[in-house]
């Protein structure tokens, strides 16, 4: 089937559709003929995405709505509103809603850890569960649930113990859901982006990104550049379509070859210099220069990011 009409019979729900990868997924799905429900914590962002979509080929129209994926009540209301408007549950669901609240493990607050787990992991669970329940209840012959994880769920990343844990968790969630839901014709897969240019990475200081891109990106990514949200959306479109009808329980890396390291191995020197590593919850600029230079470039980028942004919280 031609790619332009691959999703013509699909009703797709995309959480976190207001920006970044979520927005790119919405745009790609709409271009392939799907009716798209753009769901985001920000009504303004969801509507901006809605306005950017091409008309669906079935004439059902697209829809923008607000959802807090960490709230079971909000997720249930979302799925009910979709069924009320379209007289069916979404046959495709893409979980892209997520946040970061970066800090080092030794200084991370409990609410920073819980907040990221609530959105990234619990949110994916609640949406997956609600959509699957609706599909099973109506006797839908098939469905595709896609969750956007991250390569850091496999390799870790300095300053992101909460984010890394949440993304490792969604892989386990996906594999188990695939086993449980396959008998209902519902496929579940995970997409693991690497270095992708999104509003999240836009928070990293430009001078850091430029240094990495122009001097050392090839040591991290063989293709020598950061990826684009549309390149992740391409994989999501494949997993949403019948082209992937024999694919379930899989994790697809979109990394231009997995980086050898995104973080670093803690050494005795690090342990002995703990007081230098953190100061008032941010990176201590008094950390010896030689210690910075010895660490992998990905860590230096993250360290500098933490130093300059201190803490981030955004959808991607």
C-alpha atoms as a PDB file:
ATOM      1  CA  UNK A   1       0.000   0.000   0.000  1.00  0.00           C
ATOM      2  CA  UNK A   2       1.276   3.464  -0.836  1.00  0.00           C
ATOM      3  CA  UNK A   3       2.654   5.310   2.162  1.00  0.00           C
ATOM      4  CA  UNK A   4       0.364   8.272   1.455  1.00  0.00           C
ATOM      5  CA  UNK A   5      -2.720   6.186   2.279  1.00  0.00           C
ATOM      6  CA  UNK A   6      -1.279   3.645   4.705  1.00  0.00           C
ATOM      7  CA  UNK A   7      -3.255   4.997   7.666  1.00  0.00           C
ATOM      8  CA  UNK A   8      -6.444   6.051   5.902  1.00  0.00           C
ATOM      9  CA  UNK A   9      -8.627   3.778   8.043  1.00  0.00           C
ATOM     10  CA  UNK A  10      -6.997   4.681  11.336  1.00  0.00           C
ATOM     11  CA  UNK A  11      -8.128   6.848  14.229  1.00  0.00           C
ATOM     12  CA  UNK A  12      -4.955   7.768  16.088  1.00  0.00           C
ATOM     13  CA  UNK A  13      -4.473   9.179  19.577  1.00  0.00           C
ATOM     14  CA  UNK A  14      -1.148  10.899  20.246  1.00  0.00           C
ATOM     15  CA  UNK A  15      -0.377  12.036  23.788  1.00  0.00           C
ATOM     16  CA  UNK A  16       2.209  14.762  24.131  1.00  0.00           C
ATOM     17  CA  UNK A  17       1.154  15.827  20.648  1.00  0.00           C
ATOM     18  CA  UNK A  18       1.674  19.505  21.324  1.00  0.00           C
ATOM     19  CA  UNK A  19       5.376  19.615  20.504  1.00  0.00           C
ATOM     20  CA  UNK A  20       8.520  17.766  19.509  1.00  0.00           C
ATOM     21  CA  UNK A  21       8.220  14.119  18.557  1.00  0.00           C
ATOM     22  CA  UNK A  22       4.511  14.075  19.406  1.00  0.00           C
ATOM     23  CA  UNK A  23       3.767  16.889  16.978  1.00  0.00           C
ATOM     24  CA  UNK A  24       5.822  15.232  14.255  1.00  0.00           C
ATOM     25  CA  UNK A  25       3.895  11.979  14.772  1.00  0.00           C
ATOM     26  CA  UNK A  26       0.579  13.820  14.455  1.00  0.00           C
ATOM     27  CA  UNK A  27       1.719  15.478  11.240  1.00  0.00           C
ATOM     28  CA  UNK A  28       3.024  12.254   9.740  1.00  0.00           C
ATOM     29  CA  UNK A  29      -0.122  10.300  10.611  1.00  0.00           C
ATOM     30  CA  UNK A  30      -2.355  13.017   9.160  1.00  0.00           C
ATOM     31  CA  UNK A  31      -0.303  13.064   5.957  1.00  0.00           C
ATOM     32  CA  UNK A  32      -0.925   9.330   5.613  1.00  0.00           C
ATOM     33  CA  UNK A  33      -4.671   9.737   5.954  1.00  0.00           C
ATOM     34  CA  UNK A  34      -5.346   9.104   9.634  1.00  0.00           C
ATOM     35  CA  UNK A  35      -7.795  11.030  11.775  1.00  0.00           C
ATOM     36  CA  UNK A  36      -5.664  12.360  14.626  1.00  0.00           C
ATOM     37  CA  UNK A  37      -6.517  13.207  18.224  1.00  0.00           C
ATOM     38  CA  UNK A  38      -3.863  15.597  19.521  1.00  0.00           C
ATOM     39  CA  UNK A  39      -3.729  15.297  23.312  1.00  0.00           C
ATOM     40  CA  UNK A  40      -1.437  17.434  25.438  1.00  0.00           C
ATOM     41  CA  UNK A  41      -1.224  18.984  28.889  1.00  0.00           C
ATOM     42  CA  UNK A  42      -1.161  22.360  27.112  1.00  0.00           C
ATOM     43  CA  UNK A  43      -4.334  23.298  25.251  1.00  0.00           C
ATOM     44  CA  UNK A  44      -2.483  26.004  23.339  1.00  0.00           C
ATOM     45  CA  UNK A  45       0.191  23.595  22.120  1.00  0.00           C
ATOM     46  CA  UNK A  46      -2.387  20.977  21.143  1.00  0.00           C
ATOM     47  CA  UNK A  47      -4.287  23.532  19.081  1.00  0.00           C
ATOM     48  CA  UNK A  48      -1.090  24.703  17.395  1.00  0.00           C
ATOM     49  CA  UNK A  49      -0.430  21.142  16.288  1.00  0.00           C
ATOM     50  CA  UNK A  50      -4.044  20.744  15.172  1.00  0.00           C
ATOM     51  CA  UNK A  51      -3.749  23.791  12.933  1.00  0.00           C
ATOM     52  CA  UNK A  52      -0.673  22.308  11.266  1.00  0.00           C
ATOM     53  CA  UNK A  53      -2.365  19.067  10.194  1.00  0.00           C
ATOM     54  CA  UNK A  54      -3.507  18.243   6.693  1.00  0.00           C
ATOM     55  CA  UNK A  55      -7.129  17.149   6.285  1.00  0.00           C
ATOM     56  CA  UNK A  56      -7.778  13.483   6.967  1.00  0.00           C
ATOM     57  CA  UNK A  57      -8.877  11.432   3.972  1.00  0.00           C
ATOM     58  CA  UNK A  58     -12.012  10.069   5.636  1.00  0.00           C
ATOM     59  CA  UNK A  59     -13.498  13.467   6.406  1.00  0.00           C
ATOM     60  CA  UNK A  60     -13.871  12.759  10.120  1.00  0.00           C
ATOM     61  CA  UNK A  61     -11.629  15.635  11.055  1.00  0.00           C
ATOM     62  CA  UNK A  62      -8.931  15.928  13.666  1.00  0.00           C
ATOM     63  CA  UNK A  63      -9.358  16.841  17.308  1.00  0.00           C
ATOM     64  CA  UNK A  64      -7.279  18.651  19.938  1.00  0.00           C
ATOM     65  CA  UNK A  65      -7.839  18.062  23.626  1.00  0.00           C
ATOM     66  CA  UNK A  66      -6.208  18.468  27.020  1.00  0.00           C
ATOM     67  CA  UNK A  67      -5.062  15.496  29.076  1.00  0.00           C
ATOM     68  CA  UNK A  68      -2.983  14.902  32.170  1.00  0.00           C
ATOM     69  CA  UNK A  69      -1.638  11.425  31.496  1.00  0.00           C
ATOM     70  CA  UNK A  70      -0.669  10.960  35.142  1.00  0.00           C
ATOM     71  CA  UNK A  71      -4.353  11.175  36.148  1.00  0.00           C
ATOM     72  CA  UNK A  72      -6.533   8.103  35.625  1.00  0.00           C
ATOM     73  CA  UNK A  73      -9.651  10.275  35.658  1.00  0.00           C
ATOM     74  CA  UNK A  74      -8.239  12.584  32.980  1.00  0.00           C
ATOM     75  CA  UNK A  75      -7.197   9.658  30.775  1.00  0.00           C
ATOM     76  CA  UNK A  76     -10.586   7.979  31.139  1.00  0.00           C
ATOM     77  CA  UNK A  77     -12.303  11.241  30.212  1.00  0.00           C
ATOM     78  CA  UNK A  78     -10.056  11.514  27.153  1.00  0.00           C
ATOM     79  CA  UNK A  79     -10.909   8.060  25.810  1.00  0.00           C
ATOM     80  CA  UNK A  80     -14.626   8.607  26.473  1.00  0.00           C
ATOM     81  CA  UNK A  81     -14.581  11.920  24.597  1.00  0.00           C
ATOM     82  CA  UNK A  82     -12.917  10.251  21.617  1.00  0.00           C
ATOM     83  CA  UNK A  83     -15.539   7.523  21.497  1.00  0.00           C
ATOM     84  CA  UNK A  84     -18.316  10.092  21.815  1.00  0.00           C
ATOM     85  CA  UNK A  85     -17.054  12.079  18.846  1.00  0.00           C
ATOM     86  CA  UNK A  86     -15.870   9.291  16.552  1.00  0.00           C
ATOM     87  CA  UNK A  87     -18.140   6.449  17.738  1.00  0.00           C
ATOM     88  CA  UNK A  88     -15.102   4.229  18.165  1.00  0.00           C
ATOM     89  CA  UNK A  89     -11.935   4.037  20.267  1.00  0.00           C
ATOM     90  CA  UNK A  90      -8.594   4.912  18.695  1.00  0.00           C
ATOM     91  CA  UNK A  91      -7.136   1.971  16.797  1.00  0.00           C
ATOM     92  CA  UNK A  92      -3.688   3.545  17.071  1.00  0.00           C
ATOM     93  CA  UNK A  93      -2.217   5.108  20.199  1.00  0.00           C
ATOM     94  CA  UNK A  94       1.190   6.748  20.543  1.00  0.00           C
ATOM     95  CA  UNK A  95       2.467   7.622  24.020  1.00  0.00           C
ATOM     96  CA  UNK A  96       4.913  10.497  23.645  1.00  0.00           C
ATOM     97  CA  UNK A  97       4.004  12.622  26.686  1.00  0.00           C
ATOM     98  CA  UNK A  98       6.988  13.004  28.963  1.00  0.00           C
ATOM     99  CA  UNK A  99       8.995  15.345  31.166  1.00  0.00           C
ATOM    100  CA  UNK A 100      12.483  15.691  32.586  1.00  0.00           C
ATOM    101  CA  UNK A 101      13.577  16.998  35.979  1.00  0.00           C
ATOM    102  CA  UNK A 102      17.326  16.528  35.921  1.00  0.00           C
ATOM    103  CA  UNK A 103      19.566  16.257  38.954  1.00  0.00           C
ATOM    104  CA  UNK A 104      22.338  14.032  40.232  1.00  0.00           C
ATOM    105  CA  UNK A 105      21.337  10.924  42.173  1.00  0.00           C
ATOM    106  CA  UNK A 106      23.060  12.140  45.339  1.00  0.00           C
ATOM    107  CA  UNK A 107      20.946  15.283  45.392  1.00  0.00           C
ATOM    108  CA  UNK A 108      17.729  14.354  43.609  1.00  0.00           C
ATOM    109  CA  UNK A 109      14.614  15.153  45.606  1.00  0.00           C
ATOM    110  CA  UNK A 110      11.899  12.553  45.991  1.00  0.00           C
ATOM    111  CA  UNK A 111       9.368  14.755  44.214  1.00  0.00           C
ATOM    112  CA  UNK A 112      11.729  15.087  41.230  1.00  0.00           C
ATOM    113  CA  UNK A 113      11.926  11.313  40.943  1.00  0.00           C
ATOM    114  CA  UNK A 114       8.214  10.762  41.515  1.00  0.00           C
ATOM    115  CA  UNK A 115       7.165  13.505  39.108  1.00  0.00           C
ATOM    116  CA  UNK A 116       9.018  11.985  36.165  1.00  0.00           C
ATOM    117  CA  UNK A 117       7.846   8.448  36.952  1.00  0.00           C
ATOM    118  CA  UNK A 118       4.247   9.661  37.277  1.00  0.00           C
ATOM    119  CA  UNK A 119       4.190  11.165  33.785  1.00  0.00           C
ATOM    120  CA  UNK A 120       6.586   9.013  31.796  1.00  0.00           C
ATOM    121  CA  UNK A 121       5.866   5.558  33.209  1.00  0.00           C
ATOM    122  CA  UNK A 122       2.527   5.715  34.991  1.00  0.00           C
ATOM    123  CA  UNK A 123       1.142   7.934  32.230  1.00  0.00           C
ATOM    124  CA  UNK A 124       2.102   5.400  29.563  1.00  0.00           C
ATOM    125  CA  UNK A 125       0.482   2.659  31.643  1.00  0.00           C
ATOM    126  CA  UNK A 126      -2.776   4.554  32.158  1.00  0.00           C
ATOM    127  CA  UNK A 127      -3.165   5.489  28.496  1.00  0.00           C
ATOM    128  CA  UNK A 128      -2.184   2.025  27.254  1.00  0.00           C
ATOM    129  CA  UNK A 129      -4.627   0.409  29.671  1.00  0.00           C
ATOM    130  CA  UNK A 130      -7.527   2.730  28.823  1.00  0.00           C
ATOM    131  CA  UNK A 131      -7.101   2.375  25.065  1.00  0.00           C
ATOM    132  CA  UNK A 132      -6.680  -1.403  25.278  1.00  0.00           C
ATOM    133  CA  UNK A 133      -9.776  -1.732  27.458  1.00  0.00           C
ATOM    134  CA  UNK A 134     -11.815   0.297  24.977  1.00  0.00           C
ATOM    135  CA  UNK A 135     -10.585  -1.747  22.008  1.00  0.00           C
ATOM    136  CA  UNK A 136     -11.337  -5.057  23.713  1.00  0.00           C
ATOM    137  CA  UNK A 137     -14.757  -3.883  24.913  1.00  0.00           C
ATOM    138  CA  UNK A 138     -15.893  -2.956  21.414  1.00  0.00           C
ATOM    139  CA  UNK A 139     -14.443  -6.078  19.813  1.00  0.00           C
ATOM    140  CA  UNK A 140     -12.055  -4.192  17.553  1.00  0.00           C
ATOM    141  CA  UNK A 141     -10.190  -6.626  15.286  1.00  0.00           C
ATOM    142  CA  UNK A 142      -6.817  -4.970  15.746  1.00  0.00           C
ATOM    143  CA  UNK A 143      -4.928  -2.121  17.313  1.00  0.00           C
ATOM    144  CA  UNK A 144      -1.432  -0.703  17.609  1.00  0.00           C
ATOM    145  CA  UNK A 145      -0.062   0.928  20.753  1.00  0.00           C
ATOM    146  CA  UNK A 146       3.317   2.613  20.438  1.00  0.00           C
ATOM    147  CA  UNK A 147       5.259   4.066  23.344  1.00  0.00           C
ATOM    148  CA  UNK A 148       8.164   6.433  22.855  1.00  0.00           C
ATOM    149  CA  UNK A 149      10.930   5.459  25.248  1.00  0.00           C
ATOM    150  CA  UNK A 150      14.550   6.552  24.989  1.00  0.00           C
ATOM    151  CA  UNK A 151      17.936   4.998  24.425  1.00  0.00           C
ATOM    152  CA  UNK A 152      18.912   6.256  27.887  1.00  0.00           C
ATOM    153  CA  UNK A 153      16.592   3.597  29.279  1.00  0.00           C
ATOM    154  CA  UNK A 154      19.195   1.107  28.049  1.00  0.00           C
ATOM    155  CA  UNK A 155      22.480   2.938  28.545  1.00  0.00           C
ATOM    156  CA  UNK A 156      21.676   5.503  31.250  1.00  0.00           C
ATOM    157  CA  UNK A 157      22.564   9.188  31.336  1.00  0.00           C
ATOM    158  CA  UNK A 158      24.310  11.292  33.939  1.00  0.00           C
ATOM    159  CA  UNK A 159      21.916  13.493  35.885  1.00  0.00           C
ATOM    160  CA  UNK A 160      18.845  11.575  34.717  1.00  0.00           C
ATOM    161  CA  UNK A 161      18.385   8.633  37.068  1.00  0.00           C
ATOM    162  CA  UNK A 162      14.636   9.339  37.190  1.00  0.00           C
ATOM    163  CA  UNK A 163      14.245   9.746  33.428  1.00  0.00           C
ATOM    164  CA  UNK A 164      16.402   6.703  32.672  1.00  0.00           C
ATOM    165  CA  UNK A 165      14.391   4.580  35.098  1.00  0.00           C
ATOM    166  CA  UNK A 166      11.097   5.743  33.606  1.00  0.00           C
ATOM    167  CA  UNK A 167      12.203   4.934  30.070  1.00  0.00           C
ATOM    168  CA  UNK A 168      13.549   1.523  31.058  1.00  0.00           C
ATOM    169  CA  UNK A 169      10.189   0.932  32.677  1.00  0.00           C
ATOM    170  CA  UNK A 170       8.162   1.664  29.559  1.00  0.00           C
ATOM    171  CA  UNK A 171      10.111  -1.023  27.708  1.00  0.00           C
ATOM    172  CA  UNK A 172       9.103  -3.610  30.282  1.00  0.00           C
ATOM    173  CA  UNK A 173       5.547  -2.306  30.175  1.00  0.00           C
ATOM    174  CA  UNK A 174       5.490  -2.626  26.398  1.00  0.00           C
ATOM    175  CA  UNK A 175       6.875  -6.158  26.300  1.00  0.00           C
ATOM    176  CA  UNK A 176       4.387  -7.382  28.895  1.00  0.00           C
ATOM    177  CA  UNK A 177       1.446  -5.588  27.293  1.00  0.00           C
ATOM    178  CA  UNK A 178       2.370  -7.183  23.966  1.00  0.00           C
ATOM    179  CA  UNK A 179       2.179 -10.657  25.498  1.00  0.00           C
ATOM    180  CA  UNK A 180      -1.141  -9.995  27.214  1.00  0.00           C
ATOM    181  CA  UNK A 181      -2.885  -8.170  24.379  1.00  0.00           C
ATOM    182  CA  UNK A 182      -1.757 -10.155  21.348  1.00  0.00           C
ATOM    183  CA  UNK A 183      -4.745 -12.494  21.615  1.00  0.00           C
ATOM    184  CA  UNK A 184      -6.978  -9.470  21.056  1.00  0.00           C
ATOM    185  CA  UNK A 185      -5.089  -8.428  17.941  1.00  0.00           C
ATOM    186  CA  UNK A 186      -3.463  -5.484  19.706  1.00  0.00           C
ATOM    187  CA  UNK A 187       0.228  -4.975  18.981  1.00  0.00           C
ATOM    188  CA  UNK A 188       2.466  -3.053  21.395  1.00  0.00           C
ATOM    189  CA  UNK A 189       5.874  -1.706  20.479  1.00  0.00           C
ATOM    190  CA  UNK A 190       8.398   0.791  21.778  1.00  0.00           C
ATOM    191  CA  UNK A 191      10.474   3.366  19.894  1.00  0.00           C
ATOM    192  CA  UNK A 192      13.788   4.417  21.436  1.00  0.00           C
ATOM    193  CA  UNK A 193      15.088   7.752  20.117  1.00  0.00           C
ATOM    194  CA  UNK A 194      18.672   8.803  20.589  1.00  0.00           C
ATOM    195  CA  UNK A 195      19.897  12.385  20.187  1.00  0.00           C
ATOM    196  CA  UNK A 196      16.828  14.088  18.716  1.00  0.00           C
ATOM    197  CA  UNK A 197      16.379  17.842  18.316  1.00  0.00           C
ATOM    198  CA  UNK A 198      13.260  18.697  20.357  1.00  0.00           C
ATOM    199  CA  UNK A 199      12.104  21.426  22.773  1.00  0.00           C
ATOM    200  CA  UNK A 200      13.791  19.332  25.467  1.00  0.00           C
ATOM    201  CA  UNK A 201      17.210  19.536  23.829  1.00  0.00           C
ATOM    202  CA  UNK A 202      16.553  23.171  22.951  1.00  0.00           C
ATOM    203  CA  UNK A 203      17.022  23.855  26.656  1.00  0.00           C
ATOM    204  CA  UNK A 204      20.636  22.760  26.360  1.00  0.00           C
ATOM    205  CA  UNK A 205      22.757  25.900  25.811  1.00  0.00           C
ATOM    206  CA  UNK A 206      23.492  26.568  22.146  1.00  0.00           C
ATOM    207  CA  UNK A 207      27.232  26.769  22.723  1.00  0.00           C
ATOM    208  CA  UNK A 208      27.188  23.235  24.126  1.00  0.00           C
ATOM    209  CA  UNK A 209      25.173  21.845  21.216  1.00  0.00           C
ATOM    210  CA  UNK A 210      27.421  23.627  18.711  1.00  0.00           C
ATOM    211  CA  UNK A 211      30.555  22.245  20.330  1.00  0.00           C
ATOM    212  CA  UNK A 212      29.209  18.718  20.263  1.00  0.00           C
ATOM    213  CA  UNK A 213      27.797  18.943  16.744  1.00  0.00           C
ATOM    214  CA  UNK A 214      30.841  20.518  15.162  1.00  0.00           C
ATOM    215  CA  UNK A 215      33.673  18.741  16.937  1.00  0.00           C
ATOM    216  CA  UNK A 216      32.610  15.522  18.597  1.00  0.00           C
ATOM    217  CA  UNK A 217      29.170  14.368  17.425  1.00  0.00           C
ATOM    218  CA  UNK A 218      30.664  11.644  15.234  1.00  0.00           C
ATOM    219  CA  UNK A 219      32.208  10.030  18.290  1.00  0.00           C
ATOM    220  CA  UNK A 220      28.674   9.628  19.625  1.00  0.00           C
ATOM    221  CA  UNK A 221      26.612   9.215  16.457  1.00  0.00           C
ATOM    222  CA  UNK A 222      28.183   7.710  13.323  1.00  0.00           C
ATOM    223  CA  UNK A 223      25.944   9.834  11.077  1.00  0.00           C
ATOM    224  CA  UNK A 224      27.460  12.906  12.708  1.00  0.00           C
ATOM    225  CA  UNK A 225      24.276  14.826  13.501  1.00  0.00           C
ATOM    226  CA  UNK A 226      21.291  14.958  15.810  1.00  0.00           C
ATOM    227  CA  UNK A 227      18.106  13.346  14.577  1.00  0.00           C
ATOM    228  CA  UNK A 228      14.882  15.128  13.728  1.00  0.00           C
ATOM    229  CA  UNK A 229      11.444  14.417  15.239  1.00  0.00           C
ATOM    230  CA  UNK A 230      10.160  13.489  11.780  1.00  0.00           C
ATOM    231  CA  UNK A 231      12.644  10.615  11.655  1.00  0.00           C
ATOM    232  CA  UNK A 232      11.122   9.154  14.808  1.00  0.00           C
ATOM    233  CA  UNK A 233       7.637   9.768  13.412  1.00  0.00           C
ATOM    234  CA  UNK A 234       8.549   7.723  10.328  1.00  0.00           C
ATOM    235  CA  UNK A 235       9.139   4.677  12.518  1.00  0.00           C
ATOM    236  CA  UNK A 236       5.916   5.289  14.432  1.00  0.00           C
ATOM    237  CA  UNK A 237       3.987   5.389  11.152  1.00  0.00           C
ATOM    238  CA  UNK A 238       5.464   2.030  10.179  1.00  0.00           C
ATOM    239  CA  UNK A 239       4.485   0.513  13.534  1.00  0.00           C
ATOM    240  CA  UNK A 240       0.984   1.965  13.249  1.00  0.00           C
ATOM    241  CA  UNK A 241       0.425   0.479   9.806  1.00  0.00           C
ATOM    242  CA  UNK A 242      -0.169  -3.038   8.541  1.00  0.00           C
ATOM    243  CA  UNK A 243       3.394  -3.027   7.226  1.00  0.00           C
ATOM    244  CA  UNK A 244       4.367  -4.042  10.775  1.00  0.00           C
ATOM    245  CA  UNK A 245       1.540  -6.542  11.266  1.00  0.00           C
ATOM    246  CA  UNK A 246       3.990  -9.239  12.454  1.00  0.00           C
ATOM    247  CA  UNK A 247       5.857  -6.929  14.836  1.00  0.00           C
ATOM    248  CA  UNK A 248       4.913  -6.765  18.519  1.00  0.00           C
ATOM    249  CA  UNK A 249       6.803  -6.576  21.805  1.00  0.00           C
ATOM    250  CA  UNK A 250       9.720  -4.946  20.002  1.00  0.00           C
ATOM    251  CA  UNK A 251      11.893  -1.952  20.829  1.00  0.00           C
ATOM    252  CA  UNK A 252      13.071  -0.065  17.753  1.00  0.00           C
ATOM    253  CA  UNK A 253      16.132   2.117  18.240  1.00  0.00           C
ATOM    254  CA  UNK A 254      16.223   5.373  16.278  1.00  0.00           C
ATOM    255  CA  UNK A 255      19.751   6.357  17.208  1.00  0.00           C
ATOM    256  CA  UNK A 256      21.862   6.286  14.041  1.00  0.00           C
ATOM    257  CA  UNK A 257      23.691   3.407  15.779  1.00  0.00           C
ATOM    258  CA  UNK A 258      23.500   3.208  19.547  1.00  0.00           C
ATOM    259  CA  UNK A 259      26.084   5.444  21.275  1.00  0.00           C
ATOM    260  CA  UNK A 260      28.723   3.567  23.229  1.00  0.00           C
ATOM    261  CA  UNK A 261      28.042   5.776  26.214  1.00  0.00           C
ATOM    262  CA  UNK A 262      25.640   8.541  27.062  1.00  0.00           C
ATOM    263  CA  UNK A 263      26.906   8.888  30.606  1.00  0.00           C
ATOM    264  CA  UNK A 264      30.040   7.711  32.383  1.00  0.00           C
ATOM    265  CA  UNK A 265      31.248   5.077  34.809  1.00  0.00           C
ATOM    266  CA  UNK A 266      31.587   6.331  38.378  1.00  0.00           C
ATOM    267  CA  UNK A 267      35.207   6.112  39.471  1.00  0.00           C
ATOM    268  CA  UNK A 268      36.971   6.247  42.808  1.00  0.00           C
ATOM    269  CA  UNK A 269      38.033   9.765  41.896  1.00  0.00           C
ATOM    270  CA  UNK A 270      34.386  10.754  41.533  1.00  0.00           C
ATOM    271  CA  UNK A 271      33.538   9.270  44.920  1.00  0.00           C
ATOM    272  CA  UNK A 272      36.450  11.057  46.555  1.00  0.00           C
ATOM    273  CA  UNK A 273      35.414  14.337  44.952  1.00  0.00           C
ATOM    274  CA  UNK A 274      31.698  14.160  45.685  1.00  0.00           C
ATOM    275  CA  UNK A 275      31.759  17.603  47.258  1.00  0.00           C
ATOM    276  CA  UNK A 276      33.011  18.998  43.973  1.00  0.00           C
ATOM    277  CA  UNK A 277      30.392  17.278  41.853  1.00  0.00           C
ATOM    278  CA  UNK A 278      27.414  18.997  43.396  1.00  0.00           C
ATOM    279  CA  UNK A 279      26.819  22.236  45.170  1.00  0.00           C
ATOM    280  CA  UNK A 280      23.343  23.489  46.029  1.00  0.00           C
ATOM    281  CA  UNK A 281      21.759  21.040  43.627  1.00  0.00           C
ATOM    282  CA  UNK A 282      23.701  22.133  40.535  1.00  0.00           C
ATOM    283  CA  UNK A 283      27.053  21.376  38.978  1.00  0.00           C
ATOM    284  CA  UNK A 284      29.952  22.954  40.868  1.00  0.00           C
ATOM    285  CA  UNK A 285      32.014  25.083  38.500  1.00  0.00           C
ATOM    286  CA  UNK A 286      34.985  24.554  40.819  1.00  0.00           C
ATOM    287  CA  UNK A 287      35.232  20.931  39.704  1.00  0.00           C
ATOM    288  CA  UNK A 288      38.797  20.535  38.386  1.00  0.00           C
ATOM    289  CA  UNK A 289      39.009  21.126  34.648  1.00  0.00           C
ATOM    290  CA  UNK A 290      40.942  17.896  34.138  1.00  0.00           C
ATOM    291  CA  UNK A 291      38.012  15.919  35.592  1.00  0.00           C
ATOM    292  CA  UNK A 292      35.625  17.472  33.081  1.00  0.00           C
ATOM    293  CA  UNK A 293      37.917  16.785  30.175  1.00  0.00           C
ATOM    294  CA  UNK A 294      38.426  13.139  31.091  1.00  0.00           C
ATOM    295  CA  UNK A 295      34.721  12.382  30.876  1.00  0.00           C
ATOM    296  CA  UNK A 296      32.817  11.466  27.710  1.00  0.00           C
ATOM    297  CA  UNK A 297      31.467  14.338  25.635  1.00  0.00           C
ATOM    298  CA  UNK A 298      27.848  13.320  26.278  1.00  0.00           C
ATOM    299  CA  UNK A 299      28.439  13.674  29.996  1.00  0.00           C
ATOM    300  CA  UNK A 300      30.185  17.013  29.541  1.00  0.00           C
ATOM    301  CA  UNK A 301      27.192  18.238  27.558  1.00  0.00           C
ATOM    302  CA  UNK A 302      24.835  17.081  30.292  1.00  0.00           C
ATOM    303  CA  UNK A 303      27.018  18.481  33.078  1.00  0.00           C
ATOM    304  CA  UNK A 304      27.211  21.874  31.396  1.00  0.00           C
ATOM    305  CA  UNK A 305      23.501  21.777  30.723  1.00  0.00           C
ATOM    306  CA  UNK A 306      22.788  21.177  34.395  1.00  0.00           C
ATOM    307  CA  UNK A 307      25.152  23.976  35.306  1.00  0.00           C
ATOM    308  CA  UNK A 308      23.434  26.480  33.046  1.00  0.00           C
ATOM    309  CA  UNK A 309      19.797  25.395  33.126  1.00  0.00           C
ATOM    310  CA  UNK A 310      19.939  23.879  36.665  1.00  0.00           C
ATOM    311  CA  UNK A 311      16.667  22.045  36.163  1.00  0.00           C
ATOM    312  CA  UNK A 312      14.378  21.436  33.206  1.00  0.00           C
ATOM    313  CA  UNK A 313      10.780  20.337  32.886  1.00  0.00           C
ATOM    314  CA  UNK A 314       9.238  20.129  29.422  1.00  0.00           C
ATOM    315  CA  UNK A 315       7.267  17.911  27.095  1.00  0.00           C
ATOM    316  CA  UNK A 316       8.924  16.299  24.103  1.00  0.00           C
END
